[in-house]
């Protein structure tokens, strides 16, 4: 049965969804607070490499 009033603002869910982890440190223009935040993100990613690896292996 086809839905006549299907909402267009809700994206369709793919048959095999995938979860990824990404960080784009170049997303924002340079600035002091942005630089501090980018450094914090990089430090967190470095410190949590083992945790992220374990979570990826558990998928």
PDB file of N, CA and C in Angstrom:
ATOM      1  N   UNK A   1       0.838  -1.164   0.000  1.00  0.00           N
ATOM      2  CA  UNK A   1       0.000   0.000   0.000  1.00  0.00           C
ATOM      3  C   UNK A   1       0.893   1.241   0.000  1.00  0.00           C
ATOM      4  N   UNK A   2       0.643   2.143  -0.914  1.00  0.00           N
ATOM      5  CA  UNK A   2       1.450   3.341  -1.058  1.00  0.00           C
ATOM      6  C   UNK A   2       0.837   4.477  -0.256  1.00  0.00           C
ATOM      7  N   UNK A   3       1.674   5.200   0.466  1.00  0.00           N
ATOM      8  CA  UNK A   3       1.191   6.323   1.255  1.00  0.00           C
ATOM      9  C   UNK A   3       1.079   7.557   0.361  1.00  0.00           C
ATOM     10  N   UNK A   4      -0.105   8.144   0.312  1.00  0.00           N
ATOM     11  CA  UNK A   4      -0.337   9.311  -0.532  1.00  0.00           C
ATOM     12  C   UNK A   4       0.268  10.568   0.078  1.00  0.00           C
ATOM     13  N   UNK A   5       0.279  10.669   1.382  1.00  0.00           N
ATOM     14  CA  UNK A   5       0.755  11.876   2.065  1.00  0.00           C
ATOM     15  C   UNK A   5       2.141  11.669   2.666  1.00  0.00           C
ATOM     16  N   UNK A   6       3.052  11.086   1.926  1.00  0.00           N
ATOM     17  CA  UNK A   6       4.401  10.827   2.423  1.00  0.00           C
ATOM     18  C   UNK A   6       5.139  12.154   2.612  1.00  0.00           C
ATOM     19  N   UNK A   7       5.718  12.342   3.797  1.00  0.00           N
ATOM     20  CA  UNK A   7       6.425  13.588   4.092  1.00  0.00           C
ATOM     21  C   UNK A   7       7.749  13.621   3.344  1.00  0.00           C
ATOM     22  N   UNK A   8       8.023  14.750   2.725  1.00  0.00           N
ATOM     23  CA  UNK A   8       9.239  14.890   1.935  1.00  0.00           C
ATOM     24  C   UNK A   8      10.423  15.381   2.764  1.00  0.00           C
ATOM     25  N   UNK A   9      10.163  15.908   3.970  1.00  0.00           N
ATOM     26  CA  UNK A   9      11.249  16.437   4.784  1.00  0.00           C
ATOM     27  C   UNK A   9      11.945  15.365   5.622  1.00  0.00           C
ATOM     28  N   UNK A  10      11.448  14.136   5.606  1.00  0.00           N
ATOM     29  CA  UNK A  10      12.073  13.038   6.336  1.00  0.00           C
ATOM     30  C   UNK A  10      12.850  12.180   5.340  1.00  0.00           C
ATOM     31  N   UNK A  11      14.176  12.060   5.512  1.00  0.00           N
ATOM     32  CA  UNK A  11      14.954  11.262   4.563  1.00  0.00           C
ATOM     33  C   UNK A  11      14.651   9.771   4.715  1.00  0.00           C
ATOM     34  N   UNK A  12      14.788   9.058   3.618  1.00  0.00           N
ATOM     35  CA  UNK A  12      14.578   7.617   3.662  1.00  0.00           C
ATOM     36  C   UNK A  12      15.761   6.944   4.350  1.00  0.00           C
ATOM     37  N   UNK A  13      15.496   5.910   5.110  1.00  0.00           N
ATOM     38  CA  UNK A  13      16.543   5.175   5.815  1.00  0.00           C
ATOM     39  C   UNK A  13      17.124   4.151   4.853  1.00  0.00           C
ATOM     40  N   UNK A  14      18.456   4.126   4.682  1.00  0.00           N
ATOM     41  CA  UNK A  14      19.043   3.151   3.766  1.00  0.00           C
ATOM     42  C   UNK A  14      18.861   1.722   4.272  1.00  0.00           C
ATOM     43  N   UNK A  15      18.920   0.768   3.362  1.00  0.00           N
ATOM     44  CA  UNK A  15      18.733  -0.639   3.715  1.00  0.00           C
ATOM     45  C   UNK A  15      19.819  -1.120   4.675  1.00  0.00           C
ATOM     46  N   UNK A  16      21.046  -0.653   4.487  1.00  0.00           N
ATOM     47  CA  UNK A  16      22.137  -1.042   5.383  1.00  0.00           C
ATOM     48  C   UNK A  16      22.841   0.227   5.884  1.00  0.00           C
ATOM     49  N   UNK A  17      22.305   0.859   6.937  1.00  0.00           N
ATOM     50  CA  UNK A  17      22.905   2.099   7.443  1.00  0.00           C
ATOM     51  C   UNK A  17      24.273   1.848   8.070  1.00  0.00           C
ATOM     52  N   UNK A  18      25.125   2.845   7.996  1.00  0.00           N
ATOM     53  CA  UNK A  18      26.461   2.744   8.566  1.00  0.00           C
ATOM     54  C   UNK A  18      26.685   3.917   9.513  1.00  0.00           C
ATOM     55  N   UNK A  19      27.364   3.664  10.605  1.00  0.00           N
ATOM     56  CA  UNK A  19      27.729   4.710  11.554  1.00  0.00           C
ATOM     57  C   UNK A  19      29.205   5.014  11.383  1.00  0.00           C
ATOM     58  N   UNK A  20      29.545   6.283  11.349  1.00  0.00           N
ATOM     59  CA  UNK A  20      30.933   6.682  11.204  1.00  0.00           C
ATOM     60  C   UNK A  20      31.291   7.717  12.261  1.00  0.00           C
ATOM     61  N   UNK A  21      32.573   7.863  12.484  1.00  0.00           N
ATOM     62  CA  UNK A  21      33.088   8.881  13.389  1.00  0.00           C
ATOM     63  C   UNK A  21      33.984   9.790  12.561  1.00  0.00           C
ATOM     64  N   UNK A  22      33.704  11.079  12.599  1.00  0.00           N
ATOM     65  CA  UNK A  22      34.490  12.022  11.807  1.00  0.00           C
ATOM     66  C   UNK A  22      34.628  13.332  12.564  1.00  0.00           C
ATOM     67  N   UNK A  23      35.742  13.982  12.347  1.00  0.00           N
ATOM     68  CA  UNK A  23      35.922  15.330  12.884  1.00  0.00           C
ATOM     69  C   UNK A  23      36.639  16.145  11.825  1.00  0.00           C
ATOM     70  N   UNK A  24      36.097  17.296  11.528  1.00  0.00           N
ATOM     71  CA  UNK A  24      36.685  18.180  10.531  1.00  0.00           C
ATOM     72  C   UNK A  24      37.230  19.392  11.263  1.00  0.00           C
ATOM     73  N   UNK A  25      38.532  19.396  11.479  1.00  0.00           N
ATOM     74  CA  UNK A  25      39.145  20.489  12.222  1.00  0.00           C
ATOM     75  C   UNK A  25      39.237  21.762  11.391  1.00  0.00           C
ATOM     76  N   UNK A  26      38.991  21.661  10.081  1.00  0.00           N
ATOM     77  CA  UNK A  26      39.073  22.837   9.215  1.00  0.00           C
ATOM     78  C   UNK A  26      37.691  23.372   8.858  1.00  0.00           C
ATOM     79  N   UNK A  27      36.685  23.005   9.627  1.00  0.00           N
ATOM     80  CA  UNK A  27      35.317  23.393   9.320  1.00  0.00           C
ATOM     81  C   UNK A  27      35.059  24.877   9.560  1.00  0.00           C
ATOM     82  N   UNK A  28      35.738  25.486  10.519  1.00  0.00           N
ATOM     83  CA  UNK A  28      35.485  26.869  10.888  1.00  0.00           C
ATOM     84  C   UNK A  28      36.708  27.731  10.597  1.00  0.00           C
ATOM     85  N   UNK A  29      36.508  29.023  10.339  1.00  0.00           N
ATOM     86  CA  UNK A  29      37.655  29.904  10.095  1.00  0.00           C
ATOM     87  C   UNK A  29      38.504  30.055  11.354  1.00  0.00           C
ATOM     88  N   UNK A  30      39.789  30.356  11.184  1.00  0.00           N
ATOM     89  CA  UNK A  30      40.676  30.458  12.347  1.00  0.00           C
ATOM     90  C   UNK A  30      40.270  31.585  13.293  1.00  0.00           C
ATOM     91  N   UNK A  31      40.509  31.369  14.540  1.00  0.00           N
ATOM     92  CA  UNK A  31      40.226  32.335  15.597  1.00  0.00           C
ATOM     93  C   UNK A  31      40.667  31.715  16.900  1.00  0.00           C
ATOM     94  N   UNK A  32      40.857  32.518  17.915  1.00  0.00           N
ATOM     95  CA  UNK A  32      41.408  31.997  19.171  1.00  0.00           C
ATOM     96  C   UNK A  32      40.527  30.919  19.796  1.00  0.00           C
ATOM     97  N   UNK A  33      39.226  31.181  19.931  1.00  0.00           N
ATOM     98  CA  UNK A  33      38.358  30.192  20.569  1.00  0.00           C
ATOM     99  C   UNK A  33      38.168  28.968  19.681  1.00  0.00           C
ATOM    100  N   UNK A  34      38.145  29.182  18.360  1.00  0.00           N
ATOM    101  CA  UNK A  34      38.018  28.059  17.432  1.00  0.00           C
ATOM    102  C   UNK A  34      39.283  27.209  17.483  1.00  0.00           C
ATOM    103  N   UNK A  35      40.450  27.863  17.563  1.00  0.00           N
ATOM    104  CA  UNK A  35      41.709  27.127  17.664  1.00  0.00           C
ATOM    105  C   UNK A  35      41.757  26.292  18.942  1.00  0.00           C
ATOM    106  N   UNK A  36      41.317  26.875  20.053  1.00  0.00           N
ATOM    107  CA  UNK A  36      41.298  26.138  21.318  1.00  0.00           C
ATOM    108  C   UNK A  36      40.376  24.928  21.222  1.00  0.00           C
ATOM    109  N   UNK A  37      39.209  25.139  20.604  1.00  0.00           N
ATOM    110  CA  UNK A  37      38.258  24.029  20.466  1.00  0.00           C
ATOM    111  C   UNK A  37      38.817  22.945  19.547  1.00  0.00           C
ATOM    112  N   UNK A  38      39.457  23.344  18.452  1.00  0.00           N
ATOM    113  CA  UNK A  38      40.056  22.377  17.528  1.00  0.00           C
ATOM    114  C   UNK A  38      41.164  21.590  18.224  1.00  0.00           C
ATOM    115  N   UNK A  39      41.955  22.274  19.029  1.00  0.00           N
ATOM    116  CA  UNK A  39      43.009  21.573  19.776  1.00  0.00           C
ATOM    117  C   UNK A  39      42.407  20.590  20.773  1.00  0.00           C
ATOM    118  N   UNK A  40      41.325  20.972  21.419  1.00  0.00           N
ATOM    119  CA  UNK A  40      40.647  20.094  22.373  1.00  0.00           C
ATOM    120  C   UNK A  40      40.089  18.858  21.662  1.00  0.00           C
ATOM    121  N   UNK A  41      39.473  19.060  20.480  1.00  0.00           N
ATOM    122  CA  UNK A  41      38.959  17.927  19.711  1.00  0.00           C
ATOM    123  C   UNK A  41      40.080  16.983  19.305  1.00  0.00           C
ATOM    124  N   UNK A  42      41.200  17.538  18.865  1.00  0.00           N
ATOM    125  CA  UNK A  42      42.338  16.711  18.451  1.00  0.00           C
ATOM    126  C   UNK A  42      42.890  15.933  19.641  1.00  0.00           C
ATOM    127  N   UNK A  43      42.984  16.578  20.807  1.00  0.00           N
ATOM    128  CA  UNK A  43      43.480  15.894  22.006  1.00  0.00           C
ATOM    129  C   UNK A  43      42.531  14.777  22.417  1.00  0.00           C
ATOM    130  N   UNK A  44      41.222  15.041  22.380  1.00  0.00           N
ATOM    131  CA  UNK A  44      40.251  14.009  22.732  1.00  0.00           C
ATOM    132  C   UNK A  44      40.322  12.828  21.775  1.00  0.00           C
ATOM    133  N   UNK A  45      40.448  13.106  20.494  1.00  0.00           N
ATOM    134  CA  UNK A  45      40.548  12.027  19.505  1.00  0.00           C
ATOM    135  C   UNK A  45      41.804  11.191  19.765  1.00  0.00           C
ATOM    136  N   UNK A  46      42.914  11.856  20.099  1.00  0.00           N
ATOM    137  CA  UNK A  46      44.160  11.130  20.367  1.00  0.00           C
ATOM    138  C   UNK A  46      44.046  10.284  21.639  1.00  0.00           C
ATOM    139  N   UNK A  47      43.469  10.865  22.692  1.00  0.00           N
ATOM    140  CA  UNK A  47      43.358  10.147  23.962  1.00  0.00           C
ATOM    141  C   UNK A  47      42.363   8.993  23.897  1.00  0.00           C
ATOM    142  N   UNK A  48      41.378   9.086  23.018  1.00  0.00           N
ATOM    143  CA  UNK A  48      40.327   8.077  22.954  1.00  0.00           C
ATOM    144  C   UNK A  48      40.467   7.115  21.786  1.00  0.00           C
ATOM    145  N   UNK A  49      41.641   7.035  21.186  1.00  0.00           N
ATOM    146  CA  UNK A  49      41.843   6.134  20.050  1.00  0.00           C
ATOM    147  C   UNK A  49      41.514   4.684  20.400  1.00  0.00           C
ATOM    148  N   UNK A  50      41.953   4.227  21.557  1.00  0.00           N
ATOM    149  CA  UNK A  50      41.688   2.848  21.963  1.00  0.00           C
ATOM    150  C   UNK A  50      40.192   2.608  22.167  1.00  0.00           C
ATOM    151  N   UNK A  51      39.505   3.573  22.759  1.00  0.00           N
ATOM    152  CA  UNK A  51      38.060   3.456  22.976  1.00  0.00           C
ATOM    153  C   UNK A  51      37.321   3.388  21.639  1.00  0.00           C
ATOM    154  N   UNK A  52      37.687   4.262  20.730  1.00  0.00           N
ATOM    155  CA  UNK A  52      37.048   4.283  19.408  1.00  0.00           C
ATOM    156  C   UNK A  52      37.330   2.981  18.667  1.00  0.00           C
ATOM    157  N   UNK A  53      38.558   2.494  18.765  1.00  0.00           N
ATOM    158  CA  UNK A  53      38.919   1.213  18.108  1.00  0.00           C
ATOM    159  C   UNK A  53      38.084   0.080  18.683  1.00  0.00           C
ATOM    160  N   UNK A  54      37.912   0.029  20.002  1.00  0.00           N
ATOM    161  CA  UNK A  54      37.137  -1.023  20.643  1.00  0.00           C
ATOM    162  C   UNK A  54      35.684  -0.949  20.203  1.00  0.00           C
ATOM    163  N   UNK A  55      35.124   0.250  20.156  1.00  0.00           N
ATOM    164  CA  UNK A  55      33.726   0.393  19.727  1.00  0.00           C
ATOM    165  C   UNK A  55      33.562  -0.028  18.279  1.00  0.00           C
ATOM    166  N   UNK A  56      34.525   0.294  17.436  1.00  0.00           N
ATOM    167  CA  UNK A  56      34.451  -0.101  16.030  1.00  0.00           C
ATOM    168  C   UNK A  56      34.515  -1.618  15.886  1.00  0.00           C
ATOM    169  N   UNK A  57      35.366  -2.254  16.671  1.00  0.00           N
ATOM    170  CA  UNK A  57      35.503  -3.713  16.598  1.00  0.00           C
ATOM    171  C   UNK A  57      34.253  -4.417  17.132  1.00  0.00           C
ATOM    172  N   UNK A  58      33.523  -3.773  18.028  1.00  0.00           N
ATOM    173  CA  UNK A  58      32.321  -4.397  18.602  1.00  0.00           C
ATOM    174  C   UNK A  58      31.115  -4.323  17.679  1.00  0.00           C
ATOM    175  N   UNK A  59      31.211  -3.551  16.585  1.00  0.00           N
ATOM    176  CA  UNK A  59      30.078  -3.424  15.668  1.00  0.00           C
ATOM    177  C   UNK A  59      29.862  -4.690  14.854  1.00  0.00           C
TER     178      UNK A  59
END
